[in-house]
Amino acid sequence: MSWHPHVTVAAVAEQAGRFLLVEEQTRYGLAWNQPAGHWEPGESLIDAVVRETREETAYTFHPTALIGVYVWARPTDHDDPAPPTFLRVTFTGTVDPEPADQALDEGIVRAFWAEPETLRSAAAPLRSPMVLRSVDDWMAGVRHPLDLIQHLAP
């Protein structure tokens, strides 16, 4: 069996104590997540997080630091005996004051801002534990310079 982790990027953007989130349709129902998605061939990780944020929220994201690299394997269930493992590179930064006038990615119900306490509530349907962990790390002041990521030419 071959193993291929999914490399994803995510954006943590905060304004006035609230964090930018998306509500998205998943195979398990509606869930909340940071703007996030798969890293595509030919793009840098920074380009990927800017693109994903724009596609999912219509906001332009300006990365300022790396929060962390998270590894999470979705638990096994009867529908998926070999669930994927995700390697998520999470950035923080700012967004422009207003979103662009554009449609959001397929599966995205809405973009919205939420306080950390809302994310911690039992009613918050988080996509994965990486959502709250990255917010907690952001609130703890975890920041790494963007030049920690080095894209080398072939």
C-alpha atoms as a PDB file:
ATOM      1  CA  MET A   1       0.000   0.000   0.000  1.00  0.00           C
ATOM      2  CA  SER A   2       1.331   3.440  -0.869  1.00  0.00           C
ATOM      3  CA  TRP A   3       0.917   6.349   1.485  1.00  0.00           C
ATOM      4  CA  HIS A   4       0.457   9.883   0.186  1.00  0.00           C
ATOM      5  CA  PRO A   5      -0.228  12.575   2.785  1.00  0.00           C
ATOM      6  CA  HIS A   6      -2.262  15.554   1.639  1.00  0.00           C
ATOM      7  CA  VAL A   7      -0.243  18.778   1.791  1.00  0.00           C
ATOM      8  CA  THR A   8      -2.530  21.686   2.587  1.00  0.00           C
ATOM      9  CA  VAL A   9      -2.220  25.340   3.543  1.00  0.00           C
ATOM     10  CA  ALA A  10      -4.391  27.426   5.859  1.00  0.00           C
ATOM     11  CA  ALA A  11      -4.780  31.102   6.751  1.00  0.00           C
ATOM     12  CA  VAL A  12      -5.341  32.466  10.255  1.00  0.00           C
ATOM     13  CA  ALA A  13      -6.532  36.059   9.976  1.00  0.00           C
ATOM     14  CA  GLU A  14      -7.736  38.021  12.994  1.00  0.00           C
ATOM     15  CA  GLN A  15      -9.601  41.318  13.225  1.00  0.00           C
ATOM     16  CA  ALA A  16     -10.928  42.845  16.435  1.00  0.00           C
ATOM     17  CA  GLY A  17     -10.621  39.564  18.334  1.00  0.00           C
ATOM     18  CA  ARG A  18     -12.431  37.494  15.709  1.00  0.00           C
ATOM     19  CA  PHE A  19     -11.006  34.994  13.240  1.00  0.00           C
ATOM     20  CA  LEU A  20     -11.864  34.514   9.578  1.00  0.00           C
ATOM     21  CA  LEU A  21     -13.536  31.154   8.977  1.00  0.00           C
ATOM     22  CA  VAL A  22     -15.459  29.343   6.308  1.00  0.00           C
ATOM     23  CA  GLU A  23     -18.457  27.092   6.673  1.00  0.00           C
ATOM     24  CA  GLU A  24     -18.131  24.302   4.162  1.00  0.00           C
ATOM     25  CA  GLN A  25     -19.955  21.209   3.048  1.00  0.00           C
ATOM     26  CA  THR A  26     -18.016  18.013   3.832  1.00  0.00           C
ATOM     27  CA  ARG A  27     -18.836  14.332   3.473  1.00  0.00           C
ATOM     28  CA  TYR A  28     -19.826  14.475   7.164  1.00  0.00           C
ATOM     29  CA  GLY A  29     -22.021  17.591   6.905  1.00  0.00           C
ATOM     30  CA  LEU A  30     -21.322  21.276   7.488  1.00  0.00           C
ATOM     31  CA  ALA A  31     -18.040  22.148   9.193  1.00  0.00           C
ATOM     32  CA  TRP A  32     -16.043  25.235  10.102  1.00  0.00           C
ATOM     33  CA  ASN A  33     -12.477  25.675   8.947  1.00  0.00           C
ATOM     34  CA  GLN A  34      -9.931  28.343   8.283  1.00  0.00           C
ATOM     35  CA  PRO A  35      -9.601  29.238   4.622  1.00  0.00           C
ATOM     36  CA  ALA A  36      -7.568  26.224   3.562  1.00  0.00           C
ATOM     37  CA  GLY A  37      -6.898  23.842   0.742  1.00  0.00           C
ATOM     38  CA  HIS A  38      -4.484  21.752  -1.216  1.00  0.00           C
ATOM     39  CA  TRP A  39      -1.106  22.935  -2.407  1.00  0.00           C
ATOM     40  CA  GLU A  40      -1.087  22.731  -6.203  1.00  0.00           C
ATOM     41  CA  PRO A  41       1.820  21.875  -8.513  1.00  0.00           C
ATOM     42  CA  GLY A  42       3.908  24.827  -9.630  1.00  0.00           C
ATOM     43  CA  GLU A  43       2.968  27.227  -6.843  1.00  0.00           C
ATOM     44  CA  SER A  44       4.759  28.248  -3.688  1.00  0.00           C
ATOM     45  CA  LEU A  45       3.145  27.540  -0.329  1.00  0.00           C
ATOM     46  CA  ILE A  46       2.624  31.289   0.116  1.00  0.00           C
ATOM     47  CA  ASP A  47       0.959  31.575  -3.298  1.00  0.00           C
ATOM     48  CA  ALA A  48      -1.247  28.610  -2.347  1.00  0.00           C
ATOM     49  CA  VAL A  49      -2.522  30.173   0.890  1.00  0.00           C
ATOM     50  CA  VAL A  50      -3.223  33.494  -0.861  1.00  0.00           C
ATOM     51  CA  ARG A  51      -5.122  31.658  -3.623  1.00  0.00           C
ATOM     52  CA  GLU A  52      -7.107  29.437  -1.261  1.00  0.00           C
ATOM     53  CA  THR A  53      -8.114  32.373   0.952  1.00  0.00           C
ATOM     54  CA  ARG A  54      -9.294  34.352  -2.070  1.00  0.00           C
ATOM     55  CA  GLU A  55     -11.223  31.392  -3.524  1.00  0.00           C
ATOM     56  CA  GLU A  56     -12.930  30.489  -0.259  1.00  0.00           C
ATOM     57  CA  THR A  57     -13.602  33.915   1.299  1.00  0.00           C
ATOM     58  CA  ALA A  58     -13.140  36.530  -1.482  1.00  0.00           C
ATOM     59  CA  TYR A  59     -10.645  38.286   0.815  1.00  0.00           C
ATOM     60  CA  THR A  60      -7.092  38.986  -0.315  1.00  0.00           C
ATOM     61  CA  PHE A  61      -4.719  37.485   2.264  1.00  0.00           C
ATOM     62  CA  HIS A  62      -1.287  39.003   2.974  1.00  0.00           C
ATOM     63  CA  PRO A  63       0.858  36.436   4.830  1.00  0.00           C
ATOM     64  CA  THR A  64       3.154  37.859   7.500  1.00  0.00           C
ATOM     65  CA  ALA A  65       4.356  34.761   9.382  1.00  0.00           C
ATOM     66  CA  LEU A  66       4.173  31.010   9.659  1.00  0.00           C
ATOM     67  CA  ILE A  67       2.260  29.703  12.683  1.00  0.00           C
ATOM     68  CA  GLY A  68       3.086  26.043  12.336  1.00  0.00           C
ATOM     69  CA  VAL A  69       3.125  22.792  10.446  1.00  0.00           C
ATOM     70  CA  TYR A  70       0.493  20.369  11.716  1.00  0.00           C
ATOM     71  CA  VAL A  71       0.087  16.667  11.002  1.00  0.00           C
ATOM     72  CA  TRP A  72      -3.298  15.041  11.518  1.00  0.00           C
ATOM     73  CA  ALA A  73      -4.732  11.700  10.430  1.00  0.00           C
ATOM     74  CA  ARG A  74      -8.480  11.629  10.150  1.00  0.00           C
ATOM     75  CA  PRO A  75      -9.844   8.836  12.366  1.00  0.00           C
ATOM     76  CA  THR A  76     -10.832   5.581  10.719  1.00  0.00           C
ATOM     77  CA  ASP A  77     -14.541   5.015  10.206  1.00  0.00           C
ATOM     78  CA  HIS A  78     -16.620   2.333   8.519  1.00  0.00           C
ATOM     79  CA  ASP A  79     -16.955   4.450   5.342  1.00  0.00           C
ATOM     80  CA  ASP A  80     -13.219   5.078   5.054  1.00  0.00           C
ATOM     81  CA  PRO A  81     -10.992   2.317   6.484  1.00  0.00           C
ATOM     82  CA  ALA A  82      -7.827   4.117   5.244  1.00  0.00           C
ATOM     83  CA  PRO A  83      -8.454   7.809   5.969  1.00  0.00           C
ATOM     84  CA  PRO A  84      -5.993  10.423   4.746  1.00  0.00           C
ATOM     85  CA  THR A  85      -3.218  12.090   6.688  1.00  0.00           C
ATOM     86  CA  PHE A  86      -2.874  15.856   6.321  1.00  0.00           C
ATOM     87  CA  LEU A  87       0.291  17.921   6.578  1.00  0.00           C
ATOM     88  CA  ARG A  88      -0.978  21.473   7.010  1.00  0.00           C
ATOM     89  CA  VAL A  89       1.220  24.552   6.697  1.00  0.00           C
ATOM     90  CA  THR A  90      -0.556  27.364   8.530  1.00  0.00           C
ATOM     91  CA  PHE A  91       0.130  31.052   8.000  1.00  0.00           C
ATOM     92  CA  THR A  92      -1.036  34.213   9.683  1.00  0.00           C
ATOM     93  CA  GLY A  93      -1.456  37.574   8.074  1.00  0.00           C
ATOM     94  CA  THR A  94      -3.910  40.305   7.263  1.00  0.00           C
ATOM     95  CA  VAL A  95      -6.766  40.581   4.814  1.00  0.00           C
ATOM     96  CA  ASP A  96      -7.976  43.567   2.873  1.00  0.00           C
ATOM     97  CA  PRO A  97     -10.805  45.468   4.601  1.00  0.00           C
ATOM     98  CA  GLU A  98     -13.494  44.263   2.205  1.00  0.00           C
ATOM     99  CA  PRO A  99     -13.912  41.027   0.261  1.00  0.00           C
ATOM    100  CA  ALA A 100     -13.997  41.106  -3.529  1.00  0.00           C
ATOM    101  CA  ASP A 101     -17.302  40.733  -5.310  1.00  0.00           C
ATOM    102  CA  GLN A 102     -16.933  37.118  -6.443  1.00  0.00           C
ATOM    103  CA  ALA A 103     -18.495  33.716  -6.002  1.00  0.00           C
ATOM    104  CA  LEU A 104     -16.939  31.456  -3.357  1.00  0.00           C
ATOM    105  CA  ASP A 105     -15.468  28.026  -4.115  1.00  0.00           C
ATOM    106  CA  GLU A 106     -17.817  25.111  -4.628  1.00  0.00           C
ATOM    107  CA  GLY A 107     -18.780  23.651  -1.269  1.00  0.00           C
ATOM    108  CA  ILE A 108     -18.201  26.881   0.658  1.00  0.00           C
ATOM    109  CA  VAL A 109     -21.479  28.018   2.227  1.00  0.00           C
ATOM    110  CA  ARG A 110     -20.153  31.265   3.671  1.00  0.00           C
ATOM    111  CA  ALA A 111     -17.165  33.137   5.051  1.00  0.00           C
ATOM    112  CA  PHE A 112     -17.594  34.675   8.505  1.00  0.00           C
ATOM    113  CA  TRP A 113     -15.749  35.999  11.554  1.00  0.00           C
ATOM    114  CA  ALA A 114     -15.916  34.220  14.938  1.00  0.00           C
ATOM    115  CA  GLU A 115     -14.473  34.690  18.406  1.00  0.00           C
ATOM    116  CA  PRO A 116     -12.210  31.990  19.873  1.00  0.00           C
ATOM    117  CA  GLU A 117     -14.824  31.174  22.524  1.00  0.00           C
ATOM    118  CA  THR A 118     -17.266  30.262  19.760  1.00  0.00           C
ATOM    119  CA  LEU A 119     -14.711  27.846  18.307  1.00  0.00           C
ATOM    120  CA  ARG A 120     -14.267  26.225  21.717  1.00  0.00           C
ATOM    121  CA  SER A 121     -17.998  25.705  22.218  1.00  0.00           C
ATOM    122  CA  ALA A 122     -19.388  22.212  21.812  1.00  0.00           C
ATOM    123  CA  ALA A 123     -21.730  23.546  19.132  1.00  0.00           C
ATOM    124  CA  ALA A 124     -18.887  24.558  16.799  1.00  0.00           C
ATOM    125  CA  PRO A 125     -18.570  21.876  14.099  1.00  0.00           C
ATOM    126  CA  LEU A 126     -14.820  22.109  13.446  1.00  0.00           C
ATOM    127  CA  ARG A 127     -13.410  20.381  10.345  1.00  0.00           C
ATOM    128  CA  SER A 128     -10.420  19.089  12.294  1.00  0.00           C
ATOM    129  CA  PRO A 129      -8.540  19.716  15.542  1.00  0.00           C
ATOM    130  CA  MET A 130      -6.043  21.770  13.499  1.00  0.00           C
ATOM    131  CA  VAL A 131      -8.569  24.640  13.373  1.00  0.00           C
ATOM    132  CA  LEU A 132      -8.605  25.347  17.108  1.00  0.00           C
ATOM    133  CA  ARG A 133      -4.956  24.379  17.634  1.00  0.00           C
ATOM    134  CA  SER A 134      -3.748  26.962  15.111  1.00  0.00           C
ATOM    135  CA  VAL A 135      -5.935  29.661  16.696  1.00  0.00           C
ATOM    136  CA  ASP A 136      -4.585  28.734  20.138  1.00  0.00           C
ATOM    137  CA  ASP A 137      -1.020  28.885  18.803  1.00  0.00           C
ATOM    138  CA  TRP A 138      -1.759  32.285  17.220  1.00  0.00           C
ATOM    139  CA  MET A 139      -3.164  33.558  20.529  1.00  0.00           C
ATOM    140  CA  ALA A 140      -0.035  32.268  22.321  1.00  0.00           C
ATOM    141  CA  GLY A 141       2.063  34.432  20.006  1.00  0.00           C
ATOM    142  CA  VAL A 142       3.593  31.658  17.913  1.00  0.00           C
ATOM    143  CA  ARG A 143       5.123  33.239  14.817  1.00  0.00           C
ATOM    144  CA  HIS A 144       7.922  31.996  12.578  1.00  0.00           C
ATOM    145  CA  PRO A 145       9.471  34.023   9.758  1.00  0.00           C
ATOM    146  CA  LEU A 146       8.214  33.311   6.260  1.00  0.00           C
ATOM    147  CA  ASP A 147      11.770  32.716   5.080  1.00  0.00           C
ATOM    148  CA  LEU A 148      11.717  29.499   7.095  1.00  0.00           C
ATOM    149  CA  ILE A 149      10.173  28.068   3.921  1.00  0.00           C
ATOM    150  CA  GLN A 150      12.723  27.666   1.157  1.00  0.00           C
ATOM    151  CA  HIS A 151      11.554  26.785  -2.350  1.00  0.00           C
ATOM    152  CA  LEU A 152      14.602  25.482  -4.192  1.00  0.00           C
ATOM    153  CA  ALA A 153      14.932  25.470  -7.971  1.00  0.00           C
ATOM    154  CA  PRO A 154      15.112  22.024  -9.593  1.00  0.00           C
END
